[in-house]
Amino acid sequence: MKTKNKNPVKVNDILELKCEEIGEKNDGIFKKDGYVIFVPKTEKGRTYEIQITKVFTTFGFGKIIQEVK
């Protein structure tokens, strides 16, 4: 019997994460417990407070709430 993979995030979660890389479509790549989250209009090396907007099995999308100084 196959068990469902438990994502470390859900829609509307608010997280403070550092942008680790920039993807091919210029979205920032963030990671939470190995789970990849794409967020547009971010810069590598900066930390942001983000809100999760979509969640899929292996990746998700978020939006910036604010940059953390």
C-alpha atoms as a PDB file:
ATOM      1  CA  MET A   1       0.000   0.000   0.000  1.00  0.00           C
ATOM      2  CA  LYS A   2       1.346   3.404  -0.984  1.00  0.00           C
ATOM      3  CA  THR A   3       1.170   6.205   1.570  1.00  0.00           C
ATOM      4  CA  LYS A   4       0.678   9.822   0.607  1.00  0.00           C
ATOM      5  CA  ASN A   5       3.770  12.004   0.667  1.00  0.00           C
ATOM      6  CA  LYS A   6       3.422  14.660   3.394  1.00  0.00           C
ATOM      7  CA  ASN A   7       4.467  18.091   2.126  1.00  0.00           C
ATOM      8  CA  PRO A   8       6.169  20.339   4.705  1.00  0.00           C
ATOM      9  CA  VAL A   9       3.979  23.280   3.572  1.00  0.00           C
ATOM     10  CA  LYS A  10       0.345  24.019   2.806  1.00  0.00           C
ATOM     11  CA  VAL A  11      -1.458  26.840   1.000  1.00  0.00           C
ATOM     12  CA  ASN A  12      -1.408  30.134   2.947  1.00  0.00           C
ATOM     13  CA  ASP A  13       1.530  29.103   5.180  1.00  0.00           C
ATOM     14  CA  ILE A  14       3.820  32.045   5.967  1.00  0.00           C
ATOM     15  CA  LEU A  15       7.537  31.184   5.980  1.00  0.00           C
ATOM     16  CA  GLU A  16      10.801  33.069   6.382  1.00  0.00           C
ATOM     17  CA  LEU A  17      13.297  31.541   3.943  1.00  0.00           C
ATOM     18  CA  LYS A  18      16.474  32.453   2.068  1.00  0.00           C
ATOM     19  CA  CYS A  19      16.522  32.404  -1.744  1.00  0.00           C
ATOM     20  CA  GLU A  20      19.051  29.697  -2.635  1.00  0.00           C
ATOM     21  CA  GLU A  21      19.129  29.963  -6.437  1.00  0.00           C
ATOM     22  CA  ILE A  22      17.416  31.570  -9.436  1.00  0.00           C
ATOM     23  CA  GLY A  23      15.596  29.180 -11.799  1.00  0.00           C
ATOM     24  CA  GLU A  24      15.417  29.165 -15.599  1.00  0.00           C
ATOM     25  CA  LYS A  25      12.271  31.314 -15.573  1.00  0.00           C
ATOM     26  CA  ASN A  26      13.916  33.833 -13.185  1.00  0.00           C
ATOM     27  CA  ASP A  27      11.898  32.679 -10.167  1.00  0.00           C
ATOM     28  CA  GLY A  28      13.713  32.399  -6.866  1.00  0.00           C
ATOM     29  CA  ILE A  29      14.211  28.849  -5.583  1.00  0.00           C
ATOM     30  CA  PHE A  30      13.559  28.347  -1.886  1.00  0.00           C
ATOM     31  CA  LYS A  31      13.633  25.079   0.067  1.00  0.00           C
ATOM     32  CA  LYS A  32      11.774  23.917   3.147  1.00  0.00           C
ATOM     33  CA  ASP A  33      12.910  20.481   4.354  1.00  0.00           C
ATOM     34  CA  GLY A  34      13.986  19.608   0.797  1.00  0.00           C
ATOM     35  CA  TYR A  35      10.664  20.747  -0.715  1.00  0.00           C
ATOM     36  CA  VAL A  36      11.183  23.309  -3.514  1.00  0.00           C
ATOM     37  CA  ILE A  37       9.179  26.537  -3.567  1.00  0.00           C
ATOM     38  CA  PHE A  38       9.333  28.947  -6.526  1.00  0.00           C
ATOM     39  CA  VAL A  39       8.797  32.657  -5.820  1.00  0.00           C
ATOM     40  CA  PRO A  40       8.963  35.380  -8.518  1.00  0.00           C
ATOM     41  CA  LYS A  41      10.791  38.713  -8.177  1.00  0.00           C
ATOM     42  CA  THR A  42      13.363  37.559  -5.624  1.00  0.00           C
ATOM     43  CA  GLU A  43      17.161  37.769  -5.480  1.00  0.00           C
ATOM     44  CA  LYS A  44      19.602  34.988  -4.624  1.00  0.00           C
ATOM     45  CA  GLY A  45      21.021  35.234  -1.102  1.00  0.00           C
ATOM     46  CA  ARG A  46      18.253  37.451   0.296  1.00  0.00           C
ATOM     47  CA  THR A  47      15.782  36.343   2.955  1.00  0.00           C
ATOM     48  CA  TYR A  48      12.049  36.857   2.493  1.00  0.00           C
ATOM     49  CA  GLU A  49       8.816  36.293   4.311  1.00  0.00           C
ATOM     50  CA  ILE A  50       6.732  34.387   1.761  1.00  0.00           C
ATOM     51  CA  GLN A  51       3.188  33.073   1.568  1.00  0.00           C
ATOM     52  CA  ILE A  52       2.566  29.709  -0.079  1.00  0.00           C
ATOM     53  CA  THR A  53       0.051  30.053  -2.938  1.00  0.00           C
ATOM     54  CA  LYS A  54       0.054  26.602  -4.636  1.00  0.00           C
ATOM     55  CA  VAL A  55       1.198  23.171  -3.452  1.00  0.00           C
ATOM     56  CA  PHE A  56       1.983  20.171  -5.648  1.00  0.00           C
ATOM     57  CA  THR A  57       3.548  16.808  -4.790  1.00  0.00           C
ATOM     58  CA  THR A  58       7.183  17.781  -5.360  1.00  0.00           C
ATOM     59  CA  PHE A  59       7.141  21.595  -5.515  1.00  0.00           C
ATOM     60  CA  GLY A  60       5.071  24.661  -4.765  1.00  0.00           C
ATOM     61  CA  PHE A  61       4.724  28.376  -5.482  1.00  0.00           C
ATOM     62  CA  GLY A  62       4.714  31.383  -3.215  1.00  0.00           C
ATOM     63  CA  LYS A  63       4.607  35.164  -3.218  1.00  0.00           C
ATOM     64  CA  ILE A  64       6.652  37.740  -1.343  1.00  0.00           C
ATOM     65  CA  ILE A  65       5.123  39.344   1.710  1.00  0.00           C
ATOM     66  CA  GLN A  66       8.277  41.296   2.537  1.00  0.00           C
ATOM     67  CA  GLU A  67      12.056  41.146   2.462  1.00  0.00           C
ATOM     68  CA  VAL A  68      13.622  40.403   5.850  1.00  0.00           C
ATOM     69  CA  LYS A  69      16.578  42.676   6.624  1.00  0.00           C
END
